[in-house]
PDB file of all heavy atoms in Angstrom:
ATOM      1  N   ALA A   1    -160.752  -4.433 -35.701  1.00  0.00           N
ATOM      2  CA  ALA A   1    -160.777  -3.700 -34.452  1.00  0.00           C
ATOM      3  C   ALA A   1    -160.789  -4.686 -33.288  1.00  0.00           C
ATOM      4  O   ALA A   1    -161.275  -5.812 -33.405  1.00  0.00           O
ATOM      5  CB  ALA A   1    -161.986  -2.777 -34.381  1.00  0.00           C
ATOM      6  N   ILE A   2    -160.252  -4.225 -32.162  1.00  0.00           N
ATOM      7  CA  ILE A   2    -160.270  -5.017 -30.941  1.00  0.00           C
ATOM      8  C   ILE A   2    -160.481  -4.072 -29.768  1.00  0.00           C
ATOM      9  O   ILE A   2    -159.818  -3.063 -29.652  1.00  0.00           O
ATOM     10  CB  ILE A   2    -158.969  -5.854 -30.789  1.00  0.00           C
ATOM     11  CG1 ILE A   2    -159.070  -6.760 -29.561  1.00  0.00           C
ATOM     12  CG2 ILE A   2    -157.736  -4.968 -30.755  1.00  0.00           C
ATOM     13  CD1 ILE A   2    -157.951  -7.820 -29.531  1.00  0.00           C
ATOM     14  N   THR A   3    -161.422  -4.412 -28.920  1.00  0.00           N
ATOM     15  CA  THR A   3    -161.712  -3.573 -27.776  1.00  0.00           C
ATOM     16  C   THR A   3    -160.743  -3.843 -26.641  1.00  0.00           C
ATOM     17  O   THR A   3    -159.952  -4.789 -26.681  1.00  0.00           O
ATOM     18  CB  THR A   3    -163.142  -3.824 -27.275  1.00  0.00           C
ATOM     19  OG1 THR A   3    -163.221  -5.125 -26.693  1.00  0.00           O
ATOM     20  CG2 THR A   3    -164.150  -3.701 -28.411  1.00  0.00           C
ATOM     21  N   ARG A   4    -160.823  -3.004 -25.624  1.00  0.00           N
ATOM     22  CA  ARG A   4    -159.971  -3.216 -24.457  1.00  0.00           C
ATOM     23  C   ARG A   4    -160.303  -4.538 -23.770  1.00  0.00           C
ATOM     24  O   ARG A   4    -159.441  -5.088 -23.067  1.00  0.00           O
ATOM     25  CB  ARG A   4    -160.112  -2.067 -23.463  1.00  0.00           C
ATOM     26  CG  ARG A   4    -161.530  -1.822 -22.985  1.00  0.00           C
ATOM     27  CD  ARG A   4    -161.577  -0.649 -22.038  1.00  0.00           C
ATOM     28  NE  ARG A   4    -162.946  -0.333 -21.626  1.00  0.00           N
ATOM     29  CZ  ARG A   4    -163.270   0.593 -20.747  1.00  0.00           C
ATOM     30  NH1 ARG A   4    -162.314   1.337 -20.180  1.00  0.00           N
ATOM     31  NH2 ARG A   4    -164.540   0.812 -20.454  1.00  0.00           N
ATOM     32  N   GLY A   5    -161.512  -5.038 -23.978  1.00  0.00           N
ATOM     33  CA  GLY A   5    -161.915  -6.329 -23.419  1.00  0.00           C
ATOM     34  C   GLY A   5    -161.575  -7.509 -24.294  1.00  0.00           C
ATOM     35  O   GLY A   5    -161.840  -8.652 -23.880  1.00  0.00           O
ATOM     36  N   GLY A   6    -161.028  -7.269 -25.486  1.00  0.00           N
ATOM     37  CA  GLY A   6    -160.603  -8.355 -26.365  1.00  0.00           C
ATOM     38  C   GLY A   6    -161.601  -8.770 -27.413  1.00  0.00           C
ATOM     39  O   GLY A   6    -161.348  -9.726 -28.162  1.00  0.00           O
ATOM     40  N   SER A   7    -162.742  -8.089 -27.507  1.00  0.00           N
ATOM     41  CA  SER A   7    -163.707  -8.405 -28.538  1.00  0.00           C
ATOM     42  C   SER A   7    -163.205  -7.913 -29.899  1.00  0.00           C
ATOM     43  O   SER A   7    -162.745  -6.768 -30.012  1.00  0.00           O
ATOM     44  CB  SER A   7    -165.052  -7.763 -28.214  1.00  0.00           C
ATOM     45  OG  SER A   7    -166.005  -8.026 -29.203  1.00  0.00           O
ATOM     46  N   THR A   8    -163.291  -8.749 -30.910  1.00  0.00           N
ATOM     47  CA  THR A   8    -162.762  -8.405 -32.233  1.00  0.00           C
ATOM     48  C   THR A   8    -163.871  -8.290 -33.271  1.00  0.00           C
ATOM     49  O   THR A   8    -164.930  -8.888 -33.153  1.00  0.00           O
ATOM     50  CB  THR A   8    -161.755  -9.463 -32.716  1.00  0.00           C
ATOM     51  OG1 THR A   8    -162.401 -10.732 -32.809  1.00  0.00           O
ATOM     52  CG2 THR A   8    -160.580  -9.549 -31.751  1.00  0.00           C
ATOM     53  N   SER A   9    -163.583  -7.502 -34.290  1.00  0.00           N
ATOM     54  CA  SER A   9    -164.464  -7.382 -35.436  1.00  0.00           C
ATOM     55  C   SER A   9    -163.614  -7.152 -36.677  1.00  0.00           C
ATOM     56  O   SER A   9    -162.503  -6.628 -36.595  1.00  0.00           O
ATOM     57  CB  SER A   9    -165.473  -6.247 -35.244  1.00  0.00           C
ATOM     58  OG  SER A   9    -164.817  -4.995 -35.080  1.00  0.00           O
ATOM     59  N   TYR A  10    -164.157  -7.547 -37.838  1.00  0.00           N
ATOM     60  CA  TYR A  10    -163.407  -7.500 -39.078  1.00  0.00           C
ATOM     61  C   TYR A  10    -164.256  -6.999 -40.218  1.00  0.00           C
ATOM     62  O   TYR A  10    -165.472  -7.240 -40.263  1.00  0.00           O
ATOM     63  CB  TYR A  10    -162.867  -8.887 -39.447  1.00  0.00           C
ATOM     64  CG  TYR A  10    -161.927  -9.478 -38.432  1.00  0.00           C
ATOM     65  CD1 TYR A  10    -162.401 -10.272 -37.399  1.00  0.00           C
ATOM     66  CD2 TYR A  10    -160.562  -9.225 -38.518  1.00  0.00           C
ATOM     67  CE1 TYR A  10    -161.535 -10.799 -36.467  1.00  0.00           C
ATOM     68  CE2 TYR A  10    -159.696  -9.752 -37.584  1.00  0.00           C
ATOM     69  CZ  TYR A  10    -160.181 -10.530 -36.564  1.00  0.00           C
ATOM     70  OH  TYR A  10    -159.308 -11.074 -35.630  1.00  0.00           O
ATOM     71  N   ALA A  11    -163.616  -6.325 -41.143  1.00  0.00           N
ATOM     72  CA  ALA A  11    -164.269  -5.981 -42.393  1.00  0.00           C
ATOM     73  C   ALA A  11    -164.516  -7.284 -43.164  1.00  0.00           C
ATOM     74  O   ALA A  11    -163.761  -8.250 -43.059  1.00  0.00           O
ATOM     75  CB  ALA A  11    -163.415  -5.035 -43.215  1.00  0.00           C
ATOM     76  N   ASP A  12    -165.582  -7.287 -43.965  1.00  0.00           N
ATOM     77  CA  ASP A  12    -165.927  -8.489 -44.704  1.00  0.00           C
ATOM     78  C   ASP A  12    -164.800  -8.960 -45.616  1.00  0.00           C
ATOM     79  O   ASP A  12    -164.608 -10.175 -45.809  1.00  0.00           O
ATOM     80  CB  ASP A  12    -167.199  -8.252 -45.539  1.00  0.00           C
ATOM     81  CG  ASP A  12    -168.452  -8.176 -44.686  1.00  0.00           C
ATOM     82  OD1 ASP A  12    -168.432  -8.653 -43.546  1.00  0.00           O
ATOM     83  OD2 ASP A  12    -169.455  -7.634 -45.190  1.00  0.00           O
ATOM     84  N   PHE A  13    -164.042  -8.028 -46.172  1.00  0.00           N
ATOM     85  CA  PHE A  13    -163.033  -8.407 -47.154  1.00  0.00           C
ATOM     86  C   PHE A  13    -161.796  -9.049 -46.562  1.00  0.00           C
ATOM     87  O   PHE A  13    -160.917  -9.498 -47.300  1.00  0.00           O
ATOM     88  CB  PHE A  13    -162.654  -7.187 -48.029  1.00  0.00           C
ATOM     89  CG  PHE A  13    -162.255  -5.969 -47.260  1.00  0.00           C
ATOM     90  CD1 PHE A  13    -160.979  -5.832 -46.750  1.00  0.00           C
ATOM     91  CD2 PHE A  13    -163.163  -4.944 -47.073  1.00  0.00           C
ATOM     92  CE1 PHE A  13    -160.613  -4.689 -46.046  1.00  0.00           C
ATOM     93  CE2 PHE A  13    -162.820  -3.786 -46.382  1.00  0.00           C
ATOM     94  CZ  PHE A  13    -161.525  -3.665 -45.871  1.00  0.00           C
ATOM     95  N   VAL A  14    -161.699  -9.111 -45.216  1.00  0.00           N
ATOM     96  CA  VAL A  14    -160.559  -9.765 -44.591  1.00  0.00           C
ATOM     97  C   VAL A  14    -160.943 -10.920 -43.684  1.00  0.00           C
ATOM     98  O   VAL A  14    -160.056 -11.598 -43.141  1.00  0.00           O
ATOM     99  CB  VAL A  14    -159.681  -8.766 -43.806  1.00  0.00           C
ATOM    100  CG1 VAL A  14    -159.201  -7.646 -44.716  1.00  0.00           C
ATOM    101  CG2 VAL A  14    -160.438  -8.228 -42.606  1.00  0.00           C
ATOM    102  N   LYS A  15    -162.226 -11.166 -43.509  1.00  0.00           N
ATOM    103  CA  LYS A  15    -162.660 -12.235 -42.625  1.00  0.00           C
ATOM    104  C   LYS A  15    -162.090 -13.581 -43.088  1.00  0.00           C
ATOM    105  O   LYS A  15    -162.147 -13.920 -44.264  1.00  0.00           O
ATOM    106  CB  LYS A  15    -164.183 -12.314 -42.580  1.00  0.00           C
ATOM    107  CG  LYS A  15    -164.827 -11.192 -41.780  1.00  0.00           C
ATOM    108  CD  LYS A  15    -166.338 -11.345 -41.737  1.00  0.00           C
ATOM    109  CE  LYS A  15    -166.959 -10.230 -40.899  1.00  0.00           C
ATOM    110  NZ  LYS A  15    -168.433 -10.310 -40.889  1.00  0.00           N
ATOM    111  N   GLY A  16    -161.542 -14.314 -42.139  1.00  0.00           N
ATOM    112  CA  GLY A  16    -160.959 -15.597 -42.443  1.00  0.00           C
ATOM    113  C   GLY A  16    -159.502 -15.515 -42.885  1.00  0.00           C
ATOM    114  O   GLY A  16    -158.845 -16.553 -43.000  1.00  0.00           O
ATOM    115  N   ARG A  17    -159.005 -14.307 -43.142  1.00  0.00           N
ATOM    116  CA  ARG A  17    -157.632 -14.135 -43.608  1.00  0.00           C
ATOM    117  C   ARG A  17    -156.769 -13.369 -42.594  1.00  0.00           C
ATOM    118  O   ARG A  17    -155.585 -13.667 -42.443  1.00  0.00           O
ATOM    119  CB  ARG A  17    -157.585 -13.408 -44.941  1.00  0.00           C
ATOM    120  CG  ARG A  17    -158.290 -14.133 -46.062  1.00  0.00           C
ATOM    121  CD  ARG A  17    -158.003 -13.476 -47.401  1.00  0.00           C
ATOM    122  NE  ARG A  17    -158.497 -12.096 -47.464  1.00  0.00           N
ATOM    123  CZ  ARG A  17    -157.746 -11.042 -47.787  1.00  0.00           C
ATOM    124  NH1 ARG A  17    -156.456 -11.188 -48.089  1.00  0.00           N
ATOM    125  NH2 ARG A  17    -158.292  -9.835 -47.838  1.00  0.00           N
ATOM    126  N   PHE A  18    -157.360 -12.373 -41.949  1.00  0.00           N
ATOM    127  CA  PHE A  18    -156.614 -11.508 -41.016  1.00  0.00           C
ATOM    128  C   PHE A  18    -157.052 -11.789 -39.575  1.00  0.00           C
ATOM    129  O   PHE A  18    -158.223 -12.120 -39.323  1.00  0.00           O
ATOM    130  CB  PHE A  18    -156.863 -10.040 -41.316  1.00  0.00           C
ATOM    131  CG  PHE A  18    -156.303  -9.532 -42.610  1.00  0.00           C
ATOM    132  CD1 PHE A  18    -155.747 -10.383 -43.552  1.00  0.00           C
ATOM    133  CD2 PHE A  18    -156.337  -8.168 -42.894  1.00  0.00           C
ATOM    134  CE1 PHE A  18    -155.247  -9.920 -44.749  1.00  0.00           C
ATOM    135  CE2 PHE A  18    -155.828  -7.689 -44.085  1.00  0.00           C
ATOM    136  CZ  PHE A  18    -155.283  -8.551 -45.016  1.00  0.00           C
ATOM    137  N   THR A  19    -156.131 -11.609 -38.651  1.00  0.00           N
ATOM    138  CA  THR A  19    -156.426 -11.743 -37.232  1.00  0.00           C
ATOM    139  C   THR A  19    -155.805 -10.588 -36.471  1.00  0.00           C
ATOM    140  O   THR A  19    -154.599 -10.339 -36.580  1.00  0.00           O
ATOM    141  CB  THR A  19    -155.882 -13.068 -36.668  1.00  0.00           C
ATOM    142  OG1 THR A  19    -156.435 -14.173 -37.400  1.00  0.00           O
ATOM    143  CG2 THR A  19    -156.258 -13.206 -35.209  1.00  0.00           C
ATOM    144  N   ILE A  20    -156.621  -9.904 -35.693  1.00  0.00           N
ATOM    145  CA  ILE A  20    -156.127  -8.828 -34.837  1.00  0.00           C
ATOM    146  C   ILE A  20    -155.983  -9.353 -33.408  1.00  0.00           C
ATOM    147  O   ILE A  20    -156.800 -10.151 -32.949  1.00  0.00           O
ATOM    148  CB  ILE A  20    -157.036  -7.591 -34.876  1.00  0.00           C
ATOM    149  CG1 ILE A  20    -156.404  -6.408 -34.159  1.00  0.00           C
ATOM    150  CG2 ILE A  20    -158.421  -7.907 -34.335  1.00  0.00           C
ATOM    151  CD1 ILE A  20    -157.171  -5.093 -34.351  1.00  0.00           C
ATOM    152  N   SER A  21    -154.934  -8.926 -32.732  1.00  0.00           N
ATOM    153  CA  SER A  21    -154.715  -9.347 -31.351  1.00  0.00           C
ATOM    154  C   SER A  21    -154.004  -8.212 -30.613  1.00  0.00           C
ATOM    155  O   SER A  21    -153.503  -7.262 -31.224  1.00  0.00           O
ATOM    156  CB  SER A  21    -153.894 -10.629 -31.293  1.00  0.00           C
ATOM    157  OG  SER A  21    -152.624 -10.464 -31.889  1.00  0.00           O
ATOM    158  N   ARG A  22    -153.963  -8.320 -29.296  1.00  0.00           N
ATOM    159  CA  ARG A  22    -153.287  -7.306 -28.492  1.00  0.00           C
ATOM    160  C   ARG A  22    -152.577  -7.947 -27.335  1.00  0.00           C
ATOM    161  O   ARG A  22    -152.949  -9.031 -26.855  1.00  0.00           O
ATOM    162  CB  ARG A  22    -154.264  -6.243 -28.021  1.00  0.00           C
ATOM    163  CG  ARG A  22    -155.307  -6.731 -27.018  1.00  0.00           C
ATOM    164  CD  ARG A  22    -156.377  -5.677 -26.754  1.00  0.00           C
ATOM    165  NE  ARG A  22    -155.834  -4.496 -26.101  1.00  0.00           N
ATOM    166  CZ  ARG A  22    -156.403  -3.302 -26.099  1.00  0.00           C
ATOM    167  NH1 ARG A  22    -157.541  -3.104 -26.777  1.00  0.00           N
ATOM    168  NH2 ARG A  22    -155.842  -2.279 -25.458  1.00  0.00           N
ATOM    169  N   ASP A  23    -151.541  -7.285 -26.870  1.00  0.00           N
ATOM    170  CA  ASP A  23    -150.769  -7.720 -25.729  1.00  0.00           C
ATOM    171  C   ASP A  23    -150.651  -6.494 -24.811  1.00  0.00           C
ATOM    172  O   ASP A  23    -149.876  -5.589 -25.097  1.00  0.00           O
ATOM    173  CB  ASP A  23    -149.401  -8.228 -26.141  1.00  0.00           C
ATOM    174  CG  ASP A  23    -148.613  -8.823 -24.986  1.00  0.00           C
ATOM    175  OD1 ASP A  23    -148.795  -8.371 -23.834  1.00  0.00           O
ATOM    176  OD2 ASP A  23    -147.825  -9.759 -25.225  1.00  0.00           O
ATOM    177  N   ASN A  24    -151.417  -6.484 -23.746  1.00  0.00           N
ATOM    178  CA  ASN A  24    -151.447  -5.317 -22.887  1.00  0.00           C
ATOM    179  C   ASN A  24    -150.139  -5.135 -22.095  1.00  0.00           C
ATOM    180  O   ASN A  24    -149.798  -4.017 -21.709  1.00  0.00           O
ATOM    181  CB  ASN A  24    -152.627  -5.405 -21.917  1.00  0.00           C
ATOM    182  CG  ASN A  24    -153.952  -5.207 -22.620  1.00  0.00           C
ATOM    183  OD1 ASN A  24    -154.019  -4.723 -23.748  1.00  0.00           O
ATOM    184  ND2 ASN A  24    -155.044  -5.575 -21.949  1.00  0.00           N
ATOM    185  N   THR A  25    -149.435  -6.232 -21.843  1.00  0.00           N
ATOM    186  CA  THR A  25    -148.159  -6.138 -21.163  1.00  0.00           C
ATOM    187  C   THR A  25    -147.119  -5.448 -22.031  1.00  0.00           C
ATOM    188  O   THR A  25    -146.351  -4.590 -21.576  1.00  0.00           O
ATOM    189  CB  THR A  25    -147.656  -7.523 -20.737  1.00  0.00           C
ATOM    190  OG1 THR A  25    -148.589  -8.130 -19.851  1.00  0.00           O
ATOM    191  CG2 THR A  25    -146.309  -7.411 -20.047  1.00  0.00           C
ATOM    192  N   LYS A  26    -147.104  -5.801 -23.307  1.00  0.00           N
ATOM    193  CA  LYS A  26    -146.169  -5.206 -24.253  1.00  0.00           C
ATOM    194  C   LYS A  26    -146.693  -3.910 -24.865  1.00  0.00           C
ATOM    195  O   LYS A  26    -145.972  -3.254 -25.624  1.00  0.00           O
ATOM    196  CB  LYS A  26    -145.825  -6.193 -25.373  1.00  0.00           C
ATOM    197  CG  LYS A  26    -145.121  -7.433 -24.886  1.00  0.00           C
ATOM    198  CD  LYS A  26    -144.809  -8.374 -26.033  1.00  0.00           C
ATOM    199  CE  LYS A  26    -144.072  -9.605 -25.568  1.00  0.00           C
ATOM    200  NZ  LYS A  26    -143.786 -10.533 -26.675  1.00  0.00           N
ATOM    201  N   LYS A  27    -147.933  -3.557 -24.563  1.00  0.00           N
ATOM    202  CA  LYS A  27    -148.558  -2.358 -25.104  1.00  0.00           C
ATOM    203  C   LYS A  27    -148.497  -2.362 -26.624  1.00  0.00           C
ATOM    204  O   LYS A  27    -148.028  -1.414 -27.261  1.00  0.00           O
ATOM    205  CB  LYS A  27    -147.896  -1.105 -24.547  1.00  0.00           C
ATOM    206  CG  LYS A  27    -147.982  -0.958 -23.041  1.00  0.00           C
ATOM    207  CD  LYS A  27    -147.280   0.303 -22.568  1.00  0.00           C
ATOM    208  CE  LYS A  27    -147.349   0.436 -21.056  1.00  0.00           C
ATOM    209  NZ  LYS A  27    -146.653   1.658 -20.585  1.00  0.00           N
ATOM    210  N   ALA A  28    -148.991  -3.452 -27.190  1.00  0.00           N
ATOM    211  CA  ALA A  28    -148.903  -3.624 -28.627  1.00  0.00           C
ATOM    212  C   ALA A  28    -150.170  -4.269 -29.176  1.00  0.00           C
ATOM    213  O   ALA A  28    -150.858  -5.024 -28.473  1.00  0.00           O
ATOM    214  CB  ALA A  28    -147.705  -4.474 -28.997  1.00  0.00           C
ATOM    215  N   VAL A  29    -150.464  -3.952 -30.422  1.00  0.00           N
ATOM    216  CA  VAL A  29    -151.549  -4.589 -31.152  1.00  0.00           C
ATOM    217  C   VAL A  29    -150.963  -5.125 -32.452  1.00  0.00           C
ATOM    218  O   VAL A  29    -150.036  -4.524 -33.023  1.00  0.00           O
ATOM    219  CB  VAL A  29    -152.717  -3.617 -31.419  1.00  0.00           C
ATOM    220  CG1 VAL A  29    -152.266  -2.435 -32.270  1.00  0.00           C
ATOM    221  CG2 VAL A  29    -153.884  -4.339 -32.053  1.00  0.00           C
ATOM    222  N   TYR A  30    -151.471  -6.267 -32.910  1.00  0.00           N
ATOM    223  CA  TYR A  30    -150.919  -6.930 -34.067  1.00  0.00           C
ATOM    224  C   TYR A  30    -152.005  -7.216 -35.091  1.00  0.00           C
ATOM    225  O   TYR A  30    -153.178  -7.355 -34.764  1.00  0.00           O
ATOM    226  CB  TYR A  30    -150.265  -8.261 -33.666  1.00  0.00           C
ATOM    227  CG  TYR A  30    -149.274  -8.118 -32.534  1.00  0.00           C
ATOM    228  CD1 TYR A  30    -149.642  -8.388 -31.227  1.00  0.00           C
ATOM    229  CD2 TYR A  30    -147.968  -7.704 -32.775  1.00  0.00           C
ATOM    230  CE1 TYR A  30    -148.744  -8.253 -30.183  1.00  0.00           C
ATOM    231  CE2 TYR A  30    -147.064  -7.569 -31.752  1.00  0.00           C
ATOM    232  CZ  TYR A  30    -147.448  -7.848 -30.448  1.00  0.00           C
ATOM    233  OH  TYR A  30    -146.553  -7.706 -29.422  1.00  0.00           O
ATOM    234  N   LEU A  31    -151.587  -7.309 -36.325  1.00  0.00           N
ATOM    235  CA  LEU A  31    -152.470  -7.740 -37.398  1.00  0.00           C
ATOM    236  C   LEU A  31    -151.743  -8.809 -38.194  1.00  0.00           C
ATOM    237  O   LEU A  31    -150.795  -8.508 -38.925  1.00  0.00           O
ATOM    238  CB  LEU A  31    -152.864  -6.578 -38.314  1.00  0.00           C
ATOM    239  CG  LEU A  31    -153.894  -6.901 -39.391  1.00  0.00           C
ATOM    240  CD1 LEU A  31    -155.244  -7.239 -38.750  1.00  0.00           C
ATOM    241  CD2 LEU A  31    -154.028  -5.763 -40.383  1.00  0.00           C
ATOM    242  N   GLN A  32    -152.171 -10.053 -38.028  1.00  0.00           N
ATOM    243  CA  GLN A  32    -151.631 -11.157 -38.802  1.00  0.00           C
ATOM    244  C   GLN A  32    -152.431 -11.248 -40.093  1.00  0.00           C
ATOM    245  O   GLN A  32    -153.641 -11.436 -40.072  1.00  0.00           O
ATOM    246  CB  GLN A  32    -151.734 -12.467 -38.031  1.00  0.00           C
ATOM    247  CG  GLN A  32    -151.232 -13.680 -38.786  1.00  0.00           C
ATOM    248  CD  GLN A  32    -149.743 -13.633 -39.037  1.00  0.00           C
ATOM    249  OE1 GLN A  32    -148.970 -13.319 -38.136  1.00  0.00           O
ATOM    250  NE2 GLN A  32    -149.347 -13.906 -40.286  1.00  0.00           N
ATOM    251  N   MET A  33    -151.752 -11.114 -41.214  1.00  0.00           N
ATOM    252  CA  MET A  33    -152.380 -11.078 -42.518  1.00  0.00           C
ATOM    253  C   MET A  33    -151.912 -12.295 -43.326  1.00  0.00           C
ATOM    254  O   MET A  33    -150.741 -12.431 -43.631  1.00  0.00           O
ATOM    255  CB  MET A  33    -152.058  -9.794 -43.276  1.00  0.00           C
ATOM    256  CG  MET A  33    -152.416  -8.532 -42.498  1.00  0.00           C
ATOM    257  SD  MET A  33    -152.161  -7.025 -43.474  1.00  0.00           S
ATOM    258  CE  MET A  33    -150.370  -7.080 -43.646  1.00  0.00           C
ATOM    259  N   ASN A  34    -152.848 -13.171 -43.631  1.00  0.00           N
ATOM    260  CA  ASN A  34    -152.570 -14.362 -44.428  1.00  0.00           C
ATOM    261  C   ASN A  34    -153.334 -14.282 -45.747  1.00  0.00           C
ATOM    262  O   ASN A  34    -154.289 -13.527 -45.895  1.00  0.00           O
ATOM    263  CB  ASN A  34    -152.965 -15.619 -43.670  1.00  0.00           C
ATOM    264  CG  ASN A  34    -152.220 -15.789 -42.372  1.00  0.00           C
ATOM    265  OD1 ASN A  34    -151.040 -15.464 -42.261  1.00  0.00           O
ATOM    266  ND2 ASN A  34    -152.894 -16.333 -41.360  1.00  0.00           N
ATOM    267  N   SER A  35    -152.917 -15.119 -46.687  1.00  0.00           N
ATOM    268  CA  SER A  35    -153.579 -15.197 -47.982  1.00  0.00           C
ATOM    269  C   SER A  35    -153.753 -13.818 -48.603  1.00  0.00           C
ATOM    270  O   SER A  35    -154.835 -13.446 -49.074  1.00  0.00           O
ATOM    271  CB  SER A  35    -154.939 -15.893 -47.852  1.00  0.00           C
ATOM    272  OG  SER A  35    -154.785 -17.191 -47.329  1.00  0.00           O
ATOM    273  N   LEU A  36    -152.694 -13.046 -48.609  1.00  0.00           N
ATOM    274  CA  LEU A  36    -152.754 -11.675 -49.087  1.00  0.00           C
ATOM    275  C   LEU A  36    -153.060 -11.615 -50.571  1.00  0.00           C
ATOM    276  O   LEU A  36    -152.631 -12.477 -51.349  1.00  0.00           O
ATOM    277  CB  LEU A  36    -151.461 -10.953 -48.777  1.00  0.00           C
ATOM    278  CG  LEU A  36    -151.308 -10.514 -47.328  1.00  0.00           C
ATOM    279  CD1 LEU A  36    -149.849 -10.208 -46.997  1.00  0.00           C
ATOM    280  CD2 LEU A  36    -152.189  -9.294 -47.045  1.00  0.00           C
ATOM    281  N   LYS A  37    -153.806 -10.586 -50.944  1.00  0.00           N
ATOM    282  CA  LYS A  37    -154.224 -10.345 -52.307  1.00  0.00           C
ATOM    283  C   LYS A  37    -153.686  -9.014 -52.781  1.00  0.00           C
ATOM    284  O   LYS A  37    -153.452  -8.126 -51.975  1.00  0.00           O
ATOM    285  CB  LYS A  37    -155.746 -10.357 -52.424  1.00  0.00           C
ATOM    286  CG  LYS A  37    -156.434 -11.598 -51.882  1.00  0.00           C
ATOM    287  CD  LYS A  37    -157.947 -11.440 -51.907  1.00  0.00           C
ATOM    288  CE  LYS A  37    -158.638 -12.657 -51.354  1.00  0.00           C
ATOM    289  NZ  LYS A  37    -160.113 -12.490 -51.356  1.00  0.00           N
ATOM    290  N   PRO A  38    -153.510  -8.832 -54.093  1.00  0.00           N
ATOM    291  CA  PRO A  38    -153.042  -7.528 -54.577  1.00  0.00           C
ATOM    292  C   PRO A  38    -153.910  -6.376 -54.118  1.00  0.00           C
ATOM    293  O   PRO A  38    -153.399  -5.270 -53.864  1.00  0.00           O
ATOM    294  CB  PRO A  38    -153.093  -7.692 -56.105  1.00  0.00           C
ATOM    295  CG  PRO A  38    -152.852  -9.150 -56.307  1.00  0.00           C
ATOM    296  CD  PRO A  38    -153.570  -9.827 -55.174  1.00  0.00           C
ATOM    297  N   GLU A  39    -155.220  -6.578 -53.977  1.00  0.00           N
ATOM    298  CA  GLU A  39    -156.096  -5.518 -53.536  1.00  0.00           C
ATOM    299  C   GLU A  39    -155.910  -5.147 -52.064  1.00  0.00           C
ATOM    300  O   GLU A  39    -156.513  -4.180 -51.600  1.00  0.00           O
ATOM    301  CB  GLU A  39    -157.570  -5.872 -53.812  1.00  0.00           C
ATOM    302  CG  GLU A  39    -157.986  -7.227 -53.263  1.00  0.00           C
ATOM    303  CD  GLU A  39    -157.962  -8.318 -54.323  1.00  0.00           C
ATOM    304  OE1 GLU A  39    -156.975  -8.378 -55.091  1.00  0.00           O
ATOM    305  OE2 GLU A  39    -158.922  -9.109 -54.376  1.00  0.00           O
ATOM    306  N   ASP A  40    -155.096  -5.909 -51.334  1.00  0.00           N
ATOM    307  CA  ASP A  40    -154.758  -5.538 -49.974  1.00  0.00           C
ATOM    308  C   ASP A  40    -153.661  -4.486 -49.919  1.00  0.00           C
ATOM    309  O   ASP A  40    -153.347  -3.988 -48.843  1.00  0.00           O
ATOM    310  CB  ASP A  40    -154.297  -6.774 -49.182  1.00  0.00           C
ATOM    311  CG  ASP A  40    -155.388  -7.790 -48.977  1.00  0.00           C
ATOM    312  OD1 ASP A  40    -156.550  -7.376 -48.717  1.00  0.00           O
ATOM    313  OD2 ASP A  40    -155.103  -8.999 -49.059  1.00  0.00           O
ATOM    314  N   THR A  41    -153.078  -4.159 -51.056  1.00  0.00           N
ATOM    315  CA  THR A  41    -152.023  -3.163 -51.107  1.00  0.00           C
ATOM    316  C   THR A  41    -152.541  -1.811 -50.611  1.00  0.00           C
ATOM    317  O   THR A  41    -153.526  -1.293 -51.123  1.00  0.00           O
ATOM    318  CB  THR A  41    -151.483  -3.024 -52.528  1.00  0.00           C
ATOM    319  OG1 THR A  41    -150.860  -4.258 -52.924  1.00  0.00           O
ATOM    320  CG2 THR A  41    -150.454  -1.900 -52.632  1.00  0.00           C
ATOM    321  N   ALA A  42    -151.871  -1.253 -49.619  1.00  0.00           N
ATOM    322  CA  ALA A  42    -152.313  -0.007 -49.014  1.00  0.00           C
ATOM    323  C   ALA A  42    -151.303   0.386 -47.930  1.00  0.00           C
ATOM    324  O   ALA A  42    -150.431  -0.393 -47.560  1.00  0.00           O
ATOM    325  CB  ALA A  42    -153.700  -0.143 -48.405  1.00  0.00           C
ATOM    326  N   VAL A  43    -151.469   1.596 -47.425  1.00  0.00           N
ATOM    327  CA  VAL A  43    -150.801   1.996 -46.202  1.00  0.00           C
ATOM    328  C   VAL A  43    -151.710   1.596 -45.048  1.00  0.00           C
ATOM    329  O   VAL A  43    -152.901   1.943 -45.045  1.00  0.00           O
ATOM    330  CB  VAL A  43    -150.505   3.499 -46.153  1.00  0.00           C
ATOM    331  CG1 VAL A  43    -149.872   3.884 -44.819  1.00  0.00           C
ATOM    332  CG2 VAL A  43    -149.586   3.885 -47.311  1.00  0.00           C
ATOM    333  N   TYR A  44    -151.170   0.869 -44.106  1.00  0.00           N
ATOM    334  CA  TYR A  44    -151.932   0.406 -42.960  1.00  0.00           C
ATOM    335  C   TYR A  44    -151.611   1.248 -41.746  1.00  0.00           C
ATOM    336  O   TYR A  44    -150.445   1.479 -41.409  1.00  0.00           O
ATOM    337  CB  TYR A  44    -151.633  -1.075 -42.685  1.00  0.00           C
ATOM    338  CG  TYR A  44    -152.315  -2.003 -43.640  1.00  0.00           C
ATOM    339  CD1 TYR A  44    -151.896  -2.078 -44.971  1.00  0.00           C
ATOM    340  CD2 TYR A  44    -153.387  -2.800 -43.258  1.00  0.00           C
ATOM    341  CE1 TYR A  44    -152.536  -2.913 -45.886  1.00  0.00           C
ATOM    342  CE2 TYR A  44    -154.030  -3.637 -44.158  1.00  0.00           C
ATOM    343  CZ  TYR A  44    -153.600  -3.680 -45.461  1.00  0.00           C
ATOM    344  OH  TYR A  44    -154.227  -4.523 -46.361  1.00  0.00           O
TER     345      TYR A  44
END
């Protein structure tokens, strides 16, 4: 999760692997996912 002020939080199972960010000009939020595991398989 990321607040309108840019504060981020993560579930324990993705800490150190995923990064959430936002671009208010582009009106977009991103999730960079690295070191993916089979258990990450899901609809996001």
